[in-house]
């Protein structure tokens, strides 16, 4: 998979069938533990349960023409899963707080 842009908010990848797919960058981060940079992104497709598919890869933020590398170790997946779970909990809390404050306004 090669990036056509400079890791802005969107980039294109070429899938295994040679099709160009536009992806949205969800976030990037550097891991002190693994000493690598990661990109978490989506092509906005959905799985059989209706959840948006999210992908993660290793990338070099200093490289102009990005080549995304696969994540191959269980340790790296655990780092990414921990971050995703933390973000998901934060979003859930914010949505609950917003719903609570909307409920208070109506009383």
PDB file of N, CA and C in Angstrom:
ATOM      1  N   UNK A   1       0.842  -1.169   0.000  1.00  0.00           N
ATOM      2  CA  UNK A   1       0.000   0.000   0.000  1.00  0.00           C
ATOM      3  C   UNK A   1       0.887   1.232   0.000  1.00  0.00           C
ATOM      4  N   UNK A   2       0.667   2.101  -0.918  1.00  0.00           N
ATOM      5  CA  UNK A   2       1.477   3.313  -0.978  1.00  0.00           C
ATOM      6  C   UNK A   2       0.595   4.539  -0.875  1.00  0.00           C
ATOM      7  N   UNK A   3       1.084   5.519  -0.171  1.00  0.00           N
ATOM      8  CA  UNK A   3       0.361   6.771  -0.002  1.00  0.00           C
ATOM      9  C   UNK A   3       0.692   7.700  -1.153  1.00  0.00           C
ATOM     10  N   UNK A   4      -0.314   8.413  -1.630  1.00  0.00           N
ATOM     11  CA  UNK A   4      -0.111   9.362  -2.719  1.00  0.00           C
ATOM     12  C   UNK A   4       0.049  10.784  -2.197  1.00  0.00           C
ATOM     13  N   UNK A   5      -0.339  11.050  -0.944  1.00  0.00           N
ATOM     14  CA  UNK A   5      -0.256  12.383  -0.349  1.00  0.00           C
ATOM     15  C   UNK A   5       0.779  12.386   0.768  1.00  0.00           C
ATOM     16  N   UNK A   6       0.816  13.442   1.543  1.00  0.00           N
ATOM     17  CA  UNK A   6       1.755  13.541   2.652  1.00  0.00           C
ATOM     18  C   UNK A   6       1.079  13.311   3.991  1.00  0.00           C
ATOM     19  N   UNK A   7       0.334  12.274   4.140  1.00  0.00           N
ATOM     20  CA  UNK A   7      -0.336  11.934   5.387  1.00  0.00           C
ATOM     21  C   UNK A   7      -1.157  13.098   5.923  1.00  0.00           C
ATOM     22  N   UNK A   8      -1.999  13.648   5.080  1.00  0.00           N
ATOM     23  CA  UNK A   8      -2.921  14.694   5.523  1.00  0.00           C
ATOM     24  C   UNK A   8      -4.082  13.982   6.221  1.00  0.00           C
ATOM     25  N   UNK A   9      -5.291  14.441   6.009  1.00  0.00           N
ATOM     26  CA  UNK A   9      -6.444  13.785   6.620  1.00  0.00           C
ATOM     27  C   UNK A   9      -6.959  12.623   5.786  1.00  0.00           C
ATOM     28  N   UNK A  10      -6.587  12.590   4.516  1.00  0.00           N
ATOM     29  CA  UNK A  10      -6.978  11.481   3.655  1.00  0.00           C
ATOM     30  C   UNK A  10      -5.777  11.045   2.822  1.00  0.00           C
ATOM     31  N   UNK A  11      -5.824   9.834   2.360  1.00  0.00           N
ATOM     32  CA  UNK A  11      -4.790   9.327   1.457  1.00  0.00           C
ATOM     33  C   UNK A  11      -5.380   8.182   0.656  1.00  0.00           C
ATOM     34  N   UNK A  12      -4.707   7.829  -0.416  1.00  0.00           N
ATOM     35  CA  UNK A  12      -5.177   6.744  -1.279  1.00  0.00           C
ATOM     36  C   UNK A  12      -4.260   5.539  -1.115  1.00  0.00           C
ATOM     37  N   UNK A  13      -4.869   4.379  -1.151  1.00  0.00           N
ATOM     38  CA  UNK A  13      -4.105   3.130  -1.158  1.00  0.00           C
ATOM     39  C   UNK A  13      -4.556   2.323  -2.367  1.00  0.00           C
ATOM     40  N   UNK A  14      -3.692   1.443  -2.796  1.00  0.00           N
ATOM     41  CA  UNK A  14      -4.018   0.503  -3.869  1.00  0.00           C
ATOM     42  C   UNK A  14      -4.208  -0.856  -3.200  1.00  0.00           C
ATOM     43  N   UNK A  15      -5.398  -1.425  -3.361  1.00  0.00           N
ATOM     44  CA  UNK A  15      -5.655  -2.714  -2.724  1.00  0.00           C
ATOM     45  C   UNK A  15      -5.066  -3.863  -3.544  1.00  0.00           C
ATOM     46  N   UNK A  16      -5.276  -5.070  -3.077  1.00  0.00           N
ATOM     47  CA  UNK A  16      -4.720  -6.258  -3.744  1.00  0.00           C
ATOM     48  C   UNK A  16      -5.265  -6.466  -5.150  1.00  0.00           C
ATOM     49  N   UNK A  17      -6.433  -5.893  -5.444  1.00  0.00           N
ATOM     50  CA  UNK A  17      -7.030  -6.016  -6.775  1.00  0.00           C
ATOM     51  C   UNK A  17      -6.607  -4.866  -7.691  1.00  0.00           C
ATOM     52  N   UNK A  18      -5.711  -3.989  -7.210  1.00  0.00           N
ATOM     53  CA  UNK A  18      -5.240  -2.871  -8.012  1.00  0.00           C
ATOM     54  C   UNK A  18      -6.179  -1.682  -8.029  1.00  0.00           C
ATOM     55  N   UNK A  19      -7.195  -1.706  -7.171  1.00  0.00           N
ATOM     56  CA  UNK A  19      -8.152  -0.593  -7.098  1.00  0.00           C
ATOM     57  C   UNK A  19      -7.631   0.482  -6.156  1.00  0.00           C
ATOM     58  N   UNK A  20      -7.891   1.741  -6.516  1.00  0.00           N
ATOM     59  CA  UNK A  20      -7.493   2.869  -5.676  1.00  0.00           C
ATOM     60  C   UNK A  20      -8.611   3.140  -4.675  1.00  0.00           C
ATOM     61  N   UNK A  21      -8.258   3.201  -3.400  1.00  0.00           N
ATOM     62  CA  UNK A  21      -9.253   3.409  -2.348  1.00  0.00           C
ATOM     63  C   UNK A  21      -8.848   4.617  -1.516  1.00  0.00           C
ATOM     64  N   UNK A  22      -9.807   5.528  -1.286  1.00  0.00           N
ATOM     65  CA  UNK A  22      -9.570   6.697  -0.450  1.00  0.00           C
ATOM     66  C   UNK A  22      -9.779   6.308   1.016  1.00  0.00           C
ATOM     67  N   UNK A  23      -8.820   6.671   1.851  1.00  0.00           N
ATOM     68  CA  UNK A  23      -8.902   6.371   3.278  1.00  0.00           C
ATOM     69  C   UNK A  23      -8.827   7.650   4.089  1.00  0.00           C
ATOM     70  N   UNK A  24      -9.481   7.650   5.239  1.00  0.00           N
ATOM     71  CA  UNK A  24      -9.433   8.768   6.176  1.00  0.00           C
ATOM     72  C   UNK A  24      -8.505   8.402   7.324  1.00  0.00           C
ATOM     73  N   UNK A  25      -7.592   9.314   7.651  1.00  0.00           N
ATOM     74  CA  UNK A  25      -6.703   9.114   8.792  1.00  0.00           C
ATOM     75  C   UNK A  25      -7.501   9.405  10.055  1.00  0.00           C
ATOM     76  N   UNK A  26      -7.551   8.453  10.970  1.00  0.00           N
ATOM     77  CA  UNK A  26      -8.217   8.671  12.248  1.00  0.00           C
ATOM     78  C   UNK A  26      -7.245   9.326  13.226  1.00  0.00           C
ATOM     79  N   UNK A  27      -6.044   8.767  13.334  1.00  0.00           N
ATOM     80  CA  UNK A  27      -4.992   9.390  14.133  1.00  0.00           C
ATOM     81  C   UNK A  27      -3.673   8.683  13.861  1.00  0.00           C
ATOM     82  N   UNK A  28      -2.602   9.356  14.241  1.00  0.00           N
ATOM     83  CA  UNK A  28      -1.266   8.774  14.178  1.00  0.00           C
ATOM     84  C   UNK A  28      -0.658   8.907  15.568  1.00  0.00           C
ATOM     85  N   UNK A  29       0.281   8.046  15.874  1.00  0.00           N
ATOM     86  CA  UNK A  29       0.967   8.150  17.155  1.00  0.00           C
ATOM     87  C   UNK A  29       2.307   7.449  17.081  1.00  0.00           C
ATOM     88  N   UNK A  30       3.189   7.842  17.997  1.00  0.00           N
ATOM     89  CA  UNK A  30       4.503   7.220  18.135  1.00  0.00           C
ATOM     90  C   UNK A  30       4.484   6.415  19.426  1.00  0.00           C
ATOM     91  N   UNK A  31       5.070   5.237  19.380  1.00  0.00           N
ATOM     92  CA  UNK A  31       5.139   4.398  20.571  1.00  0.00           C
ATOM     93  C   UNK A  31       6.548   4.416  21.138  1.00  0.00           C
ATOM     94  N   UNK A  32       6.649   4.816  22.383  1.00  0.00           N
ATOM     95  CA  UNK A  32       7.948   4.767  23.079  1.00  0.00           C
ATOM     96  C   UNK A  32       8.369   3.305  23.259  1.00  0.00           C
ATOM     97  N   UNK A  33       7.364   2.456  23.460  1.00  0.00           N
ATOM     98  CA  UNK A  33       7.614   1.045  23.721  1.00  0.00           C
ATOM     99  C   UNK A  33       8.253   0.337  22.527  1.00  0.00           C
ATOM    100  N   UNK A  34       7.724   0.587  21.329  1.00  0.00           N
ATOM    101  CA  UNK A  34       8.215  -0.109  20.141  1.00  0.00           C
ATOM    102  C   UNK A  34       9.162   0.745  19.300  1.00  0.00           C
ATOM    103  N   UNK A  35       9.224   2.059  19.596  1.00  0.00           N
ATOM    104  CA  UNK A  35      10.070   3.011  18.841  1.00  0.00           C
ATOM    105  C   UNK A  35       9.649   3.104  17.369  1.00  0.00           C
ATOM    106  N   UNK A  36       8.323   2.983  17.125  1.00  0.00           N
ATOM    107  CA  UNK A  36       7.798   3.070  15.765  1.00  0.00           C
ATOM    108  C   UNK A  36       6.651   4.068  15.719  1.00  0.00           C
ATOM    109  N   UNK A  37       6.315   4.525  14.503  1.00  0.00           N
ATOM    110  CA  UNK A  37       5.165   5.404  14.288  1.00  0.00           C
ATOM    111  C   UNK A  37       4.053   4.586  13.650  1.00  0.00           C
ATOM    112  N   UNK A  38       2.825   4.859  14.086  1.00  0.00           N
ATOM    113  CA  UNK A  38       1.669   4.114  13.590  1.00  0.00           C
ATOM    114  C   UNK A  38       0.626   5.060  13.040  1.00  0.00           C
ATOM    115  N   UNK A  39      -0.123   4.567  12.080  1.00  0.00           N
ATOM    116  CA  UNK A  39      -1.254   5.305  11.527  1.00  0.00           C
ATOM    117  C   UNK A  39      -2.478   4.402  11.656  1.00  0.00           C
ATOM    118  N   UNK A  40      -3.569   4.987  12.146  1.00  0.00           N
ATOM    119  CA  UNK A  40      -4.833   4.263  12.266  1.00  0.00           C
ATOM    120  C   UNK A  40      -5.801   4.962  11.319  1.00  0.00           C
ATOM    121  N   UNK A  41      -6.444   4.184  10.445  1.00  0.00           N
ATOM    122  CA  UNK A  41      -7.241   4.772   9.369  1.00  0.00           C
ATOM    123  C   UNK A  41      -8.424   3.882   9.011  1.00  0.00           C
ATOM    124  N   UNK A  42      -9.316   4.422   8.202  1.00  0.00           N
ATOM    125  CA  UNK A  42     -10.481   3.667   7.748  1.00  0.00           C
ATOM    126  C   UNK A  42     -10.745   3.969   6.284  1.00  0.00           C
ATOM    127  N   UNK A  43     -11.311   2.987   5.599  1.00  0.00           N
ATOM    128  CA  UNK A  43     -11.779   3.221   4.230  1.00  0.00           C
ATOM    129  C   UNK A  43     -13.300   3.406   4.242  1.00  0.00           C
ATOM    130  N   UNK A  44     -13.856   3.514   5.457  1.00  0.00           N
ATOM    131  CA  UNK A  44     -15.288   3.728   5.692  1.00  0.00           C
ATOM    132  C   UNK A  44     -16.173   2.572   5.238  1.00  0.00           C
ATOM    133  N   UNK A  45     -15.563   1.407   5.000  1.00  0.00           N
ATOM    134  CA  UNK A  45     -16.364   0.221   4.703  1.00  0.00           C
ATOM    135  C   UNK A  45     -16.854  -0.353   6.032  1.00  0.00           C
ATOM    136  N   UNK A  46     -17.855  -1.216   5.951  1.00  0.00           N
ATOM    137  CA  UNK A  46     -18.422  -1.799   7.176  1.00  0.00           C
ATOM    138  C   UNK A  46     -18.281  -3.313   7.150  1.00  0.00           C
ATOM    139  N   UNK A  47     -18.118  -3.878   8.360  1.00  0.00           N
ATOM    140  CA  UNK A  47     -18.048  -5.332   8.458  1.00  0.00           C
ATOM    141  C   UNK A  47     -19.463  -5.904   8.488  1.00  0.00           C
ATOM    142  N   UNK A  48     -19.572  -7.233   8.627  1.00  0.00           N
ATOM    143  CA  UNK A  48     -20.890  -7.872   8.571  1.00  0.00           C
ATOM    144  C   UNK A  48     -21.801  -7.459   9.727  1.00  0.00           C
ATOM    145  N   UNK A  49     -21.216  -6.879  10.809  1.00  0.00           N
ATOM    146  CA  UNK A  49     -22.024  -6.400  11.945  1.00  0.00           C
ATOM    147  C   UNK A  49     -22.424  -4.940  11.792  1.00  0.00           C
ATOM    148  N   UNK A  50     -21.953  -4.286  10.721  1.00  0.00           N
ATOM    149  CA  UNK A  50     -22.295  -2.884  10.502  1.00  0.00           C
ATOM    150  C   UNK A  50     -21.319  -1.909  11.141  1.00  0.00           C
ATOM    151  N   UNK A  51     -20.220  -2.421  11.691  1.00  0.00           N
ATOM    152  CA  UNK A  51     -19.207  -1.556  12.289  1.00  0.00           C
ATOM    153  C   UNK A  51     -18.240  -1.068  11.218  1.00  0.00           C
ATOM    154  N   UNK A  52     -17.795   0.175  11.339  1.00  0.00           N
ATOM    155  CA  UNK A  52     -16.837   0.723  10.386  1.00  0.00           C
ATOM    156  C   UNK A  52     -15.503   0.011  10.573  1.00  0.00           C
ATOM    157  N   UNK A  53     -14.912  -0.421   9.463  1.00  0.00           N
ATOM    158  CA  UNK A  53     -13.623  -1.112   9.498  1.00  0.00           C
ATOM    159  C   UNK A  53     -12.510  -0.111   9.810  1.00  0.00           C
ATOM    160  N   UNK A  54     -11.651  -0.454  10.747  1.00  0.00           N
ATOM    161  CA  UNK A  54     -10.512   0.379  11.120  1.00  0.00           C
ATOM    162  C   UNK A  54      -9.253  -0.449  10.915  1.00  0.00           C
ATOM    163  N   UNK A  55      -8.223   0.191  10.346  1.00  0.00           N
ATOM    164  CA  UNK A  55      -6.962  -0.487  10.059  1.00  0.00           C
ATOM    165  C   UNK A  55      -5.822   0.268  10.725  1.00  0.00           C
ATOM    166  N   UNK A  56      -4.725  -0.426  10.946  1.00  0.00           N
ATOM    167  CA  UNK A  56      -3.539   0.208  11.504  1.00  0.00           C
ATOM    168  C   UNK A  56      -2.319  -0.323  10.776  1.00  0.00           C
ATOM    169  N   UNK A  57      -1.338   0.560  10.588  1.00  0.00           N
ATOM    170  CA  UNK A  57      -0.089   0.183   9.931  1.00  0.00           C
ATOM    171  C   UNK A  57       1.052   0.961  10.555  1.00  0.00           C
ATOM    172  N   UNK A  58       2.245   0.488  10.289  1.00  0.00           N
ATOM    173  CA  UNK A  58       3.458   1.203  10.672  1.00  0.00           C
ATOM    174  C   UNK A  58       3.801   2.129   9.517  1.00  0.00           C
ATOM    175  N   UNK A  59       4.239   3.352   9.825  1.00  0.00           N
ATOM    176  CA  UNK A  59       4.664   4.260   8.762  1.00  0.00           C
ATOM    177  C   UNK A  59       5.831   5.095   9.247  1.00  0.00           C
ATOM    178  N   UNK A  60       6.522   5.705   8.318  1.00  0.00           N
ATOM    179  CA  UNK A  60       7.644   6.588   8.628  1.00  0.00           C
ATOM    180  C   UNK A  60       7.206   8.012   8.336  1.00  0.00           C
ATOM    181  N   UNK A  61       6.990   8.842   9.378  1.00  0.00           N
ATOM    182  CA  UNK A  61       6.485  10.196   9.157  1.00  0.00           C
ATOM    183  C   UNK A  61       7.453  11.090   8.379  1.00  0.00           C
ATOM    184  N   UNK A  62       8.702  10.679   8.260  1.00  0.00           N
ATOM    185  CA  UNK A  62       9.698  11.486   7.552  1.00  0.00           C
ATOM    186  C   UNK A  62       9.851  11.108   6.084  1.00  0.00           C
ATOM    187  N   UNK A  63       9.145  10.090   5.654  1.00  0.00           N
ATOM    188  CA  UNK A  63       9.250   9.609   4.279  1.00  0.00           C
ATOM    189  C   UNK A  63       8.195  10.284   3.413  1.00  0.00           C
ATOM    190  N   UNK A  64       8.584  10.792   2.249  1.00  0.00           N
ATOM    191  CA  UNK A  64       7.645  11.521   1.389  1.00  0.00           C
ATOM    192  C   UNK A  64       6.612  10.591   0.754  1.00  0.00           C
ATOM    193  N   UNK A  65       7.042   9.558   0.070  1.00  0.00           N
ATOM    194  CA  UNK A  65       6.118   8.592  -0.525  1.00  0.00           C
ATOM    195  C   UNK A  65       5.975   7.426   0.439  1.00  0.00           C
ATOM    196  N   UNK A  66       4.909   7.478   1.197  1.00  0.00           N
ATOM    197  CA  UNK A  66       4.699   6.500   2.263  1.00  0.00           C
ATOM    198  C   UNK A  66       4.475   5.091   1.741  1.00  0.00           C
ATOM    199  N   UNK A  67       5.088   4.162   2.412  1.00  0.00           N
ATOM    200  CA  UNK A  67       4.787   2.756   2.214  1.00  0.00           C
ATOM    201  C   UNK A  67       4.365   2.246   3.580  1.00  0.00           C
ATOM    202  N   UNK A  68       3.092   1.876   3.693  1.00  0.00           N
ATOM    203  CA  UNK A  68       2.585   1.395   4.967  1.00  0.00           C
ATOM    204  C   UNK A  68       3.042  -0.041   5.181  1.00  0.00           C
ATOM    205  N   UNK A  69       3.557  -0.289   6.369  1.00  0.00           N
ATOM    206  CA  UNK A  69       4.061  -1.622   6.703  1.00  0.00           C
ATOM    207  C   UNK A  69       3.061  -2.324   7.615  1.00  0.00           C
ATOM    208  N   UNK A  70       2.888  -3.628   7.441  1.00  0.00           N
ATOM    209  CA  UNK A  70       1.941  -4.353   8.296  1.00  0.00           C
ATOM    210  C   UNK A  70       2.450  -4.459   9.732  1.00  0.00           C
ATOM    211  N   UNK A  71       1.522  -4.528  10.656  1.00  0.00           N
ATOM    212  CA  UNK A  71       1.846  -4.755  12.064  1.00  0.00           C
ATOM    213  C   UNK A  71       1.882  -6.260  12.255  1.00  0.00           C
ATOM    214  N   UNK A  72       2.997  -6.751  12.757  1.00  0.00           N
ATOM    215  CA  UNK A  72       3.178  -8.202  12.776  1.00  0.00           C
ATOM    216  C   UNK A  72       3.294  -8.811  14.169  1.00  0.00           C
ATOM    217  N   UNK A  73       3.481  -7.988  15.204  1.00  0.00           N
ATOM    218  CA  UNK A  73       3.665  -8.584  16.529  1.00  0.00           C
ATOM    219  C   UNK A  73       2.445  -8.378  17.412  1.00  0.00           C
ATOM    220  N   UNK A  74       2.234  -9.320  18.291  1.00  0.00           N
ATOM    221  CA  UNK A  74       1.127  -9.246  19.254  1.00  0.00           C
ATOM    222  C   UNK A  74       1.298  -8.024  20.160  1.00  0.00           C
ATOM    223  N   UNK A  75       2.546  -7.711  20.514  1.00  0.00           N
ATOM    224  CA  UNK A  75       2.842  -6.552  21.363  1.00  0.00           C
ATOM    225  C   UNK A  75       2.340  -5.260  20.710  1.00  0.00           C
ATOM    226  N   UNK A  76       2.614  -5.098  19.413  1.00  0.00           N
ATOM    227  CA  UNK A  76       2.180  -3.893  18.708  1.00  0.00           C
ATOM    228  C   UNK A  76       0.656  -3.814  18.637  1.00  0.00           C
ATOM    229  N   UNK A  77      -0.005  -4.949  18.369  1.00  0.00           N
ATOM    230  CA  UNK A  77      -1.469  -4.941  18.314  1.00  0.00           C
ATOM    231  C   UNK A  77      -2.058  -4.567  19.667  1.00  0.00           C
ATOM    232  N   UNK A  78      -1.433  -5.036  20.756  1.00  0.00           N
ATOM    233  CA  UNK A  78      -1.937  -4.705  22.094  1.00  0.00           C
ATOM    234  C   UNK A  78      -1.819  -3.215  22.372  1.00  0.00           C
ATOM    235  N   UNK A  79      -0.725  -2.590  21.929  1.00  0.00           N
ATOM    236  CA  UNK A  79      -0.546  -1.141  22.100  1.00  0.00           C
ATOM    237  C   UNK A  79      -1.676  -0.414  21.370  1.00  0.00           C
ATOM    238  N   UNK A  80      -1.944  -0.803  20.143  1.00  0.00           N
ATOM    239  CA  UNK A  80      -2.972  -0.150  19.335  1.00  0.00           C
ATOM    240  C   UNK A  80      -4.365  -0.397  19.919  1.00  0.00           C
ATOM    241  N   UNK A  81      -4.643  -1.633  20.330  1.00  0.00           N
ATOM    242  CA  UNK A  81      -5.947  -1.937  20.915  1.00  0.00           C
ATOM    243  C   UNK A  81      -6.186  -1.130  22.184  1.00  0.00           C
ATOM    244  N   UNK A  82      -5.155  -0.959  22.998  1.00  0.00           N
ATOM    245  CA  UNK A  82      -5.281  -0.174  24.226  1.00  0.00           C
ATOM    246  C   UNK A  82      -5.650   1.267  23.900  1.00  0.00           C
ATOM    247  N   UNK A  83      -4.990   1.851  22.920  1.00  0.00           N
ATOM    248  CA  UNK A  83      -5.283   3.230  22.526  1.00  0.00           C
ATOM    249  C   UNK A  83      -6.705   3.332  21.965  1.00  0.00           C
ATOM    250  N   UNK A  84      -7.090   2.405  21.100  1.00  0.00           N
ATOM    251  CA  UNK A  84      -8.441   2.427  20.530  1.00  0.00           C
ATOM    252  C   UNK A  84      -9.505   2.284  21.622  1.00  0.00           C
ATOM    253  N   UNK A  85      -9.277   1.376  22.570  1.00  0.00           N
ATOM    254  CA  UNK A  85     -10.241   1.185  23.660  1.00  0.00           C
ATOM    255  C   UNK A  85     -10.347   2.433  24.521  1.00  0.00           C
ATOM    256  N   UNK A  86      -9.220   3.079  24.804  1.00  0.00           N
ATOM    257  CA  UNK A  86      -9.224   4.315  25.595  1.00  0.00           C
ATOM    258  C   UNK A  86      -9.994   5.408  24.866  1.00  0.00           C
ATOM    259  N   UNK A  87      -9.732   5.568  23.566  1.00  0.00           N
ATOM    260  CA  UNK A  87     -10.449   6.573  22.784  1.00  0.00           C
ATOM    261  C   UNK A  87     -11.942   6.278  22.743  1.00  0.00           C
ATOM    262  N   UNK A  88     -12.291   5.016  22.587  1.00  0.00           N
ATOM    263  CA  UNK A  88     -13.693   4.624  22.522  1.00  0.00           C
ATOM    264  C   UNK A  88     -14.396   4.962  23.845  1.00  0.00           C
ATOM    265  N   UNK A  89     -13.729   4.705  24.967  1.00  0.00           N
ATOM    266  CA  UNK A  89     -14.308   5.030  26.278  1.00  0.00           C
ATOM    267  C   UNK A  89     -14.486   6.534  26.440  1.00  0.00           C
ATOM    268  N   UNK A  90     -13.491   7.319  25.990  1.00  0.00           N
ATOM    269  CA  UNK A  90     -13.584   8.776  26.094  1.00  0.00           C
ATOM    270  C   UNK A  90     -14.749   9.307  25.261  1.00  0.00           C
ATOM    271  N   UNK A  91     -14.917   8.781  24.057  1.00  0.00           N
ATOM    272  CA  UNK A  91     -16.014   9.211  23.189  1.00  0.00           C
ATOM    273  C   UNK A  91     -17.352   8.848  23.829  1.00  0.00           C
ATOM    274  N   UNK A  92     -17.426   7.648  24.373  1.00  0.00           N
ATOM    275  CA  UNK A  92     -18.663   7.188  25.017  1.00  0.00           C
ATOM    276  C   UNK A  92     -19.021   8.112  26.187  1.00  0.00           C
ATOM    277  N   UNK A  93     -18.028   8.471  27.019  1.00  0.00           N
ATOM    278  CA  UNK A  93     -18.272   9.363  28.155  1.00  0.00           C
ATOM    279  C   UNK A  93     -18.763  10.726  27.677  1.00  0.00           C
ATOM    280  N   UNK A  94     -18.121  11.271  26.645  1.00  0.00           N
ATOM    281  CA  UNK A  94     -18.524  12.579  26.128  1.00  0.00           C
ATOM    282  C   UNK A  94     -19.946  12.540  25.594  1.00  0.00           C
ATOM    283  N   UNK A  95     -20.304  11.451  24.925  1.00  0.00           N
ATOM    284  CA  UNK A  95     -21.667  11.334  24.395  1.00  0.00           C
ATOM    285  C   UNK A  95     -22.676  11.234  25.539  1.00  0.00           C
ATOM    286  N   UNK A  96     -22.328  10.495  26.593  1.00  0.00           N
ATOM    287  CA  UNK A  96     -23.219  10.373  27.748  1.00  0.00           C
ATOM    288  C   UNK A  96     -23.358  11.722  28.454  1.00  0.00           C
ATOM    289  N   UNK A  97     -22.244  12.456  28.612  1.00  0.00           N
ATOM    290  CA  UNK A  97     -22.283  13.774  29.241  1.00  0.00           C
ATOM    291  C   UNK A  97     -23.145  14.728  28.429  1.00  0.00           C
ATOM    292  N   UNK A  98     -23.018  14.678  27.108  1.00  0.00           N
ATOM    293  CA  UNK A  98     -23.815  15.536  26.242  1.00  0.00           C
ATOM    294  C   UNK A  98     -25.289  15.185  26.371  1.00  0.00           C
ATOM    295  N   UNK A  99     -25.600  13.906  26.426  1.00  0.00           N
ATOM    296  CA  UNK A  99     -26.995  13.477  26.568  1.00  0.00           C
ATOM    297  C   UNK A  99     -27.545  13.907  27.918  1.00  0.00           C
ATOM    298  N   UNK A 100     -26.731  13.799  28.973  1.00  0.00           N
ATOM    299  CA  UNK A 100     -27.158  14.222  30.302  1.00  0.00           C
ATOM    300  C   UNK A 100     -27.429  15.717  30.352  1.00  0.00           C
ATOM    301  N   UNK A 101     -26.556  16.511  29.748  1.00  0.00           N
ATOM    302  CA  UNK A 101     -26.739  17.963  29.778  1.00  0.00           C
ATOM    303  C   UNK A 101     -27.948  18.378  28.943  1.00  0.00           C
ATOM    304  N   UNK A 102     -28.231  17.671  27.874  1.00  0.00           N
ATOM    305  CA  UNK A 102     -29.432  17.954  27.077  1.00  0.00           C
ATOM    306  C   UNK A 102     -30.679  17.630  27.882  1.00  0.00           C
ATOM    307  N   UNK A 103     -30.633  16.541  28.635  1.00  0.00           N
ATOM    308  CA  UNK A 103     -31.770  16.154  29.481  1.00  0.00           C
ATOM    309  C   UNK A 103     -32.020  17.179  30.563  1.00  0.00           C
ATOM    310  N   UNK A 104     -30.969  17.777  31.126  1.00  0.00           N
ATOM    311  CA  UNK A 104     -31.115  18.788  32.185  1.00  0.00           C
ATOM    312  C   UNK A 104     -31.711  20.069  31.638  1.00  0.00           C
ATOM    313  N   UNK A 105     -31.417  20.392  30.408  1.00  0.00           N
ATOM    314  CA  UNK A 105     -31.920  21.631  29.808  1.00  0.00           C
ATOM    315  C   UNK A 105     -33.429  21.598  29.641  1.00  0.00           C
ATOM    316  N   UNK A 106     -33.973  20.406  29.474  1.00  0.00           N
ATOM    317  CA  UNK A 106     -35.404  20.292  29.201  1.00  0.00           C
ATOM    318  C   UNK A 106     -36.249  20.386  30.459  1.00  0.00           C
ATOM    319  N   UNK A 107     -35.652  20.223  31.615  1.00  0.00           N
ATOM    320  CA  UNK A 107     -36.433  20.204  32.857  1.00  0.00           C
ATOM    321  C   UNK A 107     -36.738  21.587  33.368  1.00  0.00           C
TER     322      UNK A 107
END
